């Protein structure tokens, strides 16, 4: 797959990095997007809601764990 444009020299990704490198980059970007979304949520919740939704999530997860494990 060759990528390039606007007067730049085309890059042959397969020859330069190997056939699986572009696929690896796409998979890595998925993780970057997920991490950025989680960070955005934490910042938003901390700034505008004083951690309300994070607090409620932790309380609910604790309740579920206690229910599943049978702990009181």
Foldseek 3Di string as FASTA:
>chain_A
DWDDDDPDDIDDCCVPPNDCPVVVVVVVVVVVVVVVVVVVVVVCCCPPVVCPVVVVVVVVVVVVVCVVVVPD
